[in-house]
Amino acid sequence: PGKPVTLAYAATAAGVAELEVRKGGSVVAQANGVAHKGSNAIVWNGKVAGKAATPGVYALTLRVRGADGQEATAQATAKLVKPVAAKVLVTRRVR
């Protein structure tokens, strides 16, 4: 949670890309970018309302609208898990 999520995709023409992030049916975040012909990537910063996203399953919808008027949509899911905190055990010998 709170780490960037990168979605790689290929576009057949230059255009505008929009990533919509949903949790429980509600839109919780969006990312926008420019799509170039060929390989691309769009990044969601992993935040919801400025705070790290909570663990859970998020639905990602990518829409790319080309300058030629064509539109393509792709969907994916991202499962964010709670990071495991390292625990350090400190022992002292008492005399």
N, C-alpha and C. Protein backbone atom coordinates (compact mmCIF):
# COMPACT_ATOMS: atom_id res chain seq x y z
N PRO A 1 0.82 -1.20 0.00
CA PRO A 1 0.00 0.00 0.00
C PRO A 1 0.86 1.26 0.00
N GLY A 2 0.45 2.22 -0.79
CA GLY A 2 1.18 3.47 -0.87
C GLY A 2 2.34 3.44 -1.85
N LYS A 3 2.59 2.28 -2.47
CA LYS A 3 3.65 2.15 -3.45
C LYS A 3 3.06 2.31 -4.84
N PRO A 4 3.80 2.87 -5.78
CA PRO A 4 3.28 3.02 -7.14
C PRO A 4 2.95 1.68 -7.80
N VAL A 5 1.88 1.69 -8.60
CA VAL A 5 1.45 0.53 -9.37
C VAL A 5 1.57 0.92 -10.84
N THR A 6 2.37 0.19 -11.60
CA THR A 6 2.61 0.50 -13.01
C THR A 6 1.89 -0.52 -13.88
N LEU A 7 1.14 -0.02 -14.84
CA LEU A 7 0.42 -0.85 -15.79
C LEU A 7 1.04 -0.61 -17.17
N ALA A 8 1.64 -1.65 -17.75
CA ALA A 8 2.25 -1.54 -19.08
C ALA A 8 1.22 -1.92 -20.14
N TYR A 9 1.27 -1.25 -21.28
CA TYR A 9 0.33 -1.53 -22.37
C TYR A 9 0.94 -1.07 -23.69
N ALA A 10 0.33 -1.53 -24.77
CA ALA A 10 0.77 -1.12 -26.11
C ALA A 10 -0.38 -0.39 -26.79
N ALA A 11 -0.06 0.67 -27.51
CA ALA A 11 -1.07 1.44 -28.25
C ALA A 11 -0.73 1.39 -29.74
N THR A 12 -1.78 1.32 -30.56
CA THR A 12 -1.57 1.27 -32.01
C THR A 12 -1.47 2.66 -32.63
N ALA A 13 -1.81 3.68 -31.83
CA ALA A 13 -1.71 5.06 -32.30
C ALA A 13 -1.50 5.96 -31.09
N ALA A 14 -0.99 7.14 -31.33
CA ALA A 14 -0.81 8.11 -30.24
C ALA A 14 -2.18 8.58 -29.74
N GLY A 15 -2.25 8.92 -28.46
CA GLY A 15 -3.51 9.40 -27.90
C GLY A 15 -3.39 9.76 -26.44
N VAL A 16 -4.50 9.70 -25.75
CA VAL A 16 -4.59 10.05 -24.34
C VAL A 16 -4.98 8.81 -23.55
N ALA A 17 -4.30 8.57 -22.43
CA ALA A 17 -4.58 7.41 -21.59
C ALA A 17 -5.16 7.86 -20.26
N GLU A 18 -6.13 7.09 -19.78
CA GLU A 18 -6.73 7.36 -18.47
C GLU A 18 -6.86 6.05 -17.72
N LEU A 19 -6.35 6.02 -16.50
CA LEU A 19 -6.46 4.85 -15.64
C LEU A 19 -7.42 5.18 -14.51
N GLU A 20 -8.44 4.35 -14.38
CA GLU A 20 -9.43 4.53 -13.32
C GLU A 20 -9.24 3.39 -12.32
N VAL A 21 -9.16 3.73 -11.03
CA VAL A 21 -8.94 2.75 -9.98
C VAL A 21 -10.20 2.70 -9.11
N ARG A 22 -10.75 1.49 -8.96
CA ARG A 22 -11.98 1.31 -8.18
C ARG A 22 -11.75 0.30 -7.06
N LYS A 23 -12.44 0.54 -5.95
CA LYS A 23 -12.46 -0.42 -4.85
C LYS A 23 -13.90 -0.46 -4.36
N GLY A 24 -14.46 -1.65 -4.33
CA GLY A 24 -15.84 -1.79 -3.87
C GLY A 24 -16.84 -1.03 -4.74
N GLY A 25 -16.54 -0.90 -6.01
CA GLY A 25 -17.45 -0.24 -6.93
C GLY A 25 -17.30 1.27 -7.02
N SER A 26 -16.52 1.86 -6.12
CA SER A 26 -16.33 3.32 -6.13
C SER A 26 -14.98 3.68 -6.75
N VAL A 27 -14.97 4.76 -7.52
CA VAL A 27 -13.71 5.26 -8.07
C VAL A 27 -12.94 5.91 -6.92
N VAL A 28 -11.72 5.42 -6.68
CA VAL A 28 -10.92 5.94 -5.57
C VAL A 28 -9.70 6.72 -6.04
N ALA A 29 -9.33 6.54 -7.32
CA ALA A 29 -8.16 7.27 -7.85
C ALA A 29 -8.19 7.24 -9.37
N GLN A 30 -7.48 8.19 -9.96
CA GLN A 30 -7.33 8.24 -11.41
C GLN A 30 -5.91 8.69 -11.74
N ALA A 31 -5.44 8.26 -12.89
CA ALA A 31 -4.16 8.72 -13.41
C ALA A 31 -4.34 8.97 -14.90
N ASN A 32 -3.71 10.00 -15.39
CA ASN A 32 -3.81 10.37 -16.81
C ASN A 32 -2.42 10.46 -17.41
N GLY A 33 -2.35 10.19 -18.71
CA GLY A 33 -1.07 10.28 -19.37
C GLY A 33 -1.22 10.36 -20.87
N VAL A 34 -0.09 10.47 -21.54
CA VAL A 34 -0.05 10.52 -22.99
C VAL A 34 0.37 9.13 -23.48
N ALA A 35 -0.35 8.62 -24.45
CA ALA A 35 0.00 7.33 -25.05
C ALA A 35 0.72 7.58 -26.37
N HIS A 36 1.83 6.90 -26.55
CA HIS A 36 2.57 6.96 -27.80
C HIS A 36 2.33 5.67 -28.56
N LYS A 37 2.48 5.68 -29.85
CA LYS A 37 2.35 4.46 -30.62
C LYS A 37 3.43 3.49 -30.15
N GLY A 38 3.03 2.27 -29.78
CA GLY A 38 3.98 1.28 -29.28
C GLY A 38 3.83 1.07 -27.78
N SER A 39 4.94 0.72 -27.13
CA SER A 39 4.93 0.40 -25.70
C SER A 39 4.77 1.64 -24.84
N ASN A 40 3.95 1.49 -23.80
CA ASN A 40 3.67 2.58 -22.87
C ASN A 40 3.50 2.04 -21.46
N ALA A 41 3.44 2.94 -20.50
CA ALA A 41 3.14 2.58 -19.12
C ALA A 41 2.42 3.76 -18.48
N ILE A 42 1.50 3.43 -17.59
CA ILE A 42 0.81 4.46 -16.81
C ILE A 42 0.94 4.06 -15.35
N VAL A 43 1.10 5.03 -14.48
CA VAL A 43 1.38 4.75 -13.07
C VAL A 43 0.30 5.35 -12.18
N TRP A 44 -0.23 4.52 -11.28
CA TRP A 44 -1.07 5.00 -10.17
C TRP A 44 -0.13 5.10 -8.98
N ASN A 45 -0.15 6.20 -8.29
CA ASN A 45 0.79 6.42 -7.20
C ASN A 45 0.51 5.58 -5.95
N GLY A 46 -0.54 4.78 -5.97
CA GLY A 46 -0.84 3.91 -4.83
C GLY A 46 -1.51 4.63 -3.69
N LYS A 47 -2.02 5.82 -3.98
CA LYS A 47 -2.65 6.62 -2.92
C LYS A 47 -4.12 6.86 -3.22
N VAL A 48 -4.88 6.99 -2.16
CA VAL A 48 -6.30 7.32 -2.23
C VAL A 48 -6.50 8.53 -1.34
N ALA A 49 -6.99 9.62 -1.91
CA ALA A 49 -7.19 10.87 -1.17
C ALA A 49 -5.92 11.31 -0.45
N GLY A 50 -4.77 11.13 -1.11
CA GLY A 50 -3.50 11.60 -0.56
C GLY A 50 -2.87 10.68 0.46
N LYS A 51 -3.52 9.56 0.80
CA LYS A 51 -2.98 8.62 1.78
C LYS A 51 -2.74 7.28 1.11
N ALA A 52 -1.84 6.48 1.70
CA ALA A 52 -1.55 5.15 1.15
C ALA A 52 -2.84 4.35 1.04
N ALA A 53 -3.03 3.68 -0.10
CA ALA A 53 -4.21 2.85 -0.29
C ALA A 53 -4.20 1.71 0.72
N THR A 54 -5.37 1.37 1.21
CA THR A 54 -5.49 0.28 2.17
C THR A 54 -5.37 -1.06 1.44
N PRO A 55 -4.94 -2.11 2.15
CA PRO A 55 -4.86 -3.42 1.51
C PRO A 55 -6.23 -3.84 0.96
N GLY A 56 -6.21 -4.60 -0.13
CA GLY A 56 -7.43 -5.10 -0.73
C GLY A 56 -7.27 -5.25 -2.23
N VAL A 57 -8.38 -5.58 -2.88
CA VAL A 57 -8.38 -5.79 -4.32
C VAL A 57 -8.94 -4.54 -5.00
N TYR A 58 -8.22 -4.05 -5.98
CA TYR A 58 -8.60 -2.85 -6.73
C TYR A 58 -8.81 -3.23 -8.19
N ALA A 59 -9.85 -2.69 -8.79
CA ALA A 59 -10.13 -2.91 -10.21
C ALA A 59 -9.53 -1.74 -10.98
N LEU A 60 -8.74 -2.06 -11.99
CA LEU A 60 -8.08 -1.03 -12.81
C LEU A 60 -8.70 -1.06 -14.20
N THR A 61 -9.12 0.09 -14.70
CA THR A 61 -9.65 0.19 -16.05
C THR A 61 -8.81 1.22 -16.80
N LEU A 62 -8.19 0.77 -17.89
CA LEU A 62 -7.37 1.65 -18.72
C LEU A 62 -8.14 1.96 -20.00
N ARG A 63 -8.29 3.25 -20.30
CA ARG A 63 -8.91 3.69 -21.55
C ARG A 63 -7.89 4.52 -22.31
N VAL A 64 -7.72 4.19 -23.58
CA VAL A 64 -6.83 4.96 -24.44
C VAL A 64 -7.65 5.46 -25.62
N ARG A 65 -7.66 6.77 -25.81
CA ARG A 65 -8.37 7.39 -26.93
C ARG A 65 -7.33 7.94 -27.89
N GLY A 66 -7.37 7.42 -29.10
CA GLY A 66 -6.41 7.85 -30.11
C GLY A 66 -6.84 9.13 -30.79
N ALA A 67 -5.88 9.83 -31.35
CA ALA A 67 -6.17 11.06 -32.09
C ALA A 67 -7.04 10.77 -33.31
N ASP A 68 -7.06 9.50 -33.74
CA ASP A 68 -7.87 9.10 -34.90
C ASP A 68 -9.31 8.77 -34.52
N GLY A 69 -9.66 8.94 -33.22
CA GLY A 69 -11.03 8.71 -32.77
C GLY A 69 -11.29 7.31 -32.23
N GLN A 70 -10.34 6.41 -32.38
CA GLN A 70 -10.53 5.07 -31.84
C GLN A 70 -10.32 5.05 -30.34
N GLU A 71 -11.01 4.13 -29.68
CA GLU A 71 -10.87 3.99 -28.22
C GLU A 71 -10.70 2.51 -27.89
N ALA A 72 -9.81 2.23 -26.95
CA ALA A 72 -9.60 0.86 -26.47
C ALA A 72 -9.68 0.87 -24.95
N THR A 73 -10.23 -0.20 -24.40
CA THR A 73 -10.37 -0.34 -22.95
C THR A 73 -9.82 -1.69 -22.53
N ALA A 74 -9.07 -1.71 -21.42
CA ALA A 74 -8.55 -2.95 -20.86
C ALA A 74 -8.77 -2.91 -19.35
N GLN A 75 -8.99 -4.08 -18.77
CA GLN A 75 -9.22 -4.15 -17.33
C GLN A 75 -8.25 -5.13 -16.69
N ALA A 76 -7.91 -4.84 -15.44
CA ALA A 76 -7.01 -5.70 -14.66
C ALA A 76 -7.36 -5.51 -13.19
N THR A 77 -6.84 -6.37 -12.35
CA THR A 77 -7.02 -6.20 -10.91
C THR A 77 -5.64 -6.14 -10.26
N ALA A 78 -5.58 -5.44 -9.16
CA ALA A 78 -4.35 -5.35 -8.37
C ALA A 78 -4.71 -5.68 -6.93
N LYS A 79 -3.97 -6.58 -6.34
CA LYS A 79 -4.19 -6.93 -4.95
C LYS A 79 -3.07 -6.32 -4.12
N LEU A 80 -3.43 -5.39 -3.28
CA LEU A 80 -2.45 -4.75 -2.41
C LEU A 80 -2.48 -5.46 -1.07
N VAL A 81 -1.32 -5.82 -0.60
CA VAL A 81 -1.23 -6.53 0.67
C VAL A 81 -0.51 -5.66 1.69
N LYS A 82 -0.82 -5.92 2.93
CA LYS A 82 -0.19 -5.16 4.01
C LYS A 82 1.28 -5.59 4.11
N PRO A 83 2.18 -4.62 4.11
CA PRO A 83 3.59 -4.99 4.23
C PRO A 83 3.86 -5.61 5.60
N VAL A 84 4.75 -6.56 5.62
CA VAL A 84 5.12 -7.21 6.87
C VAL A 84 6.22 -6.39 7.53
N ALA A 85 5.96 -5.95 8.74
CA ALA A 85 6.94 -5.17 9.46
C ALA A 85 7.98 -6.11 10.06
N ALA A 86 9.21 -5.71 9.95
CA ALA A 86 10.28 -6.52 10.55
C ALA A 86 10.27 -6.30 12.05
N LYS A 87 10.40 -7.37 12.77
CA LYS A 87 10.47 -7.28 14.23
C LYS A 87 11.89 -7.60 14.65
N VAL A 88 12.37 -6.82 15.54
CA VAL A 88 13.71 -7.05 16.05
C VAL A 88 13.59 -7.40 17.52
N LEU A 89 14.16 -8.52 17.89
CA LEU A 89 14.13 -8.94 19.28
C LEU A 89 15.48 -8.58 19.89
N VAL A 90 15.43 -7.76 20.89
CA VAL A 90 16.65 -7.35 21.58
C VAL A 90 16.70 -8.09 22.90
N THR A 91 17.78 -8.77 23.11
CA THR A 91 17.95 -9.47 24.38
C THR A 91 19.16 -8.90 25.10
N ARG A 92 19.03 -8.87 26.41
CA ARG A 92 20.15 -8.41 27.24
C ARG A 92 20.34 -9.43 28.33
N ARG A 93 21.56 -9.66 28.61
CA ARG A 93 21.87 -10.56 29.70
C ARG A 93 21.93 -9.75 30.98
N VAL A 94 21.13 -10.14 31.95
CA VAL A 94 21.11 -9.42 33.22
C VAL A 94 21.93 -10.21 34.21
N ARG A 95 22.84 -9.51 34.91
CA ARG A 95 23.70 -10.20 35.90
C ARG A 95 23.34 -9.76 37.27
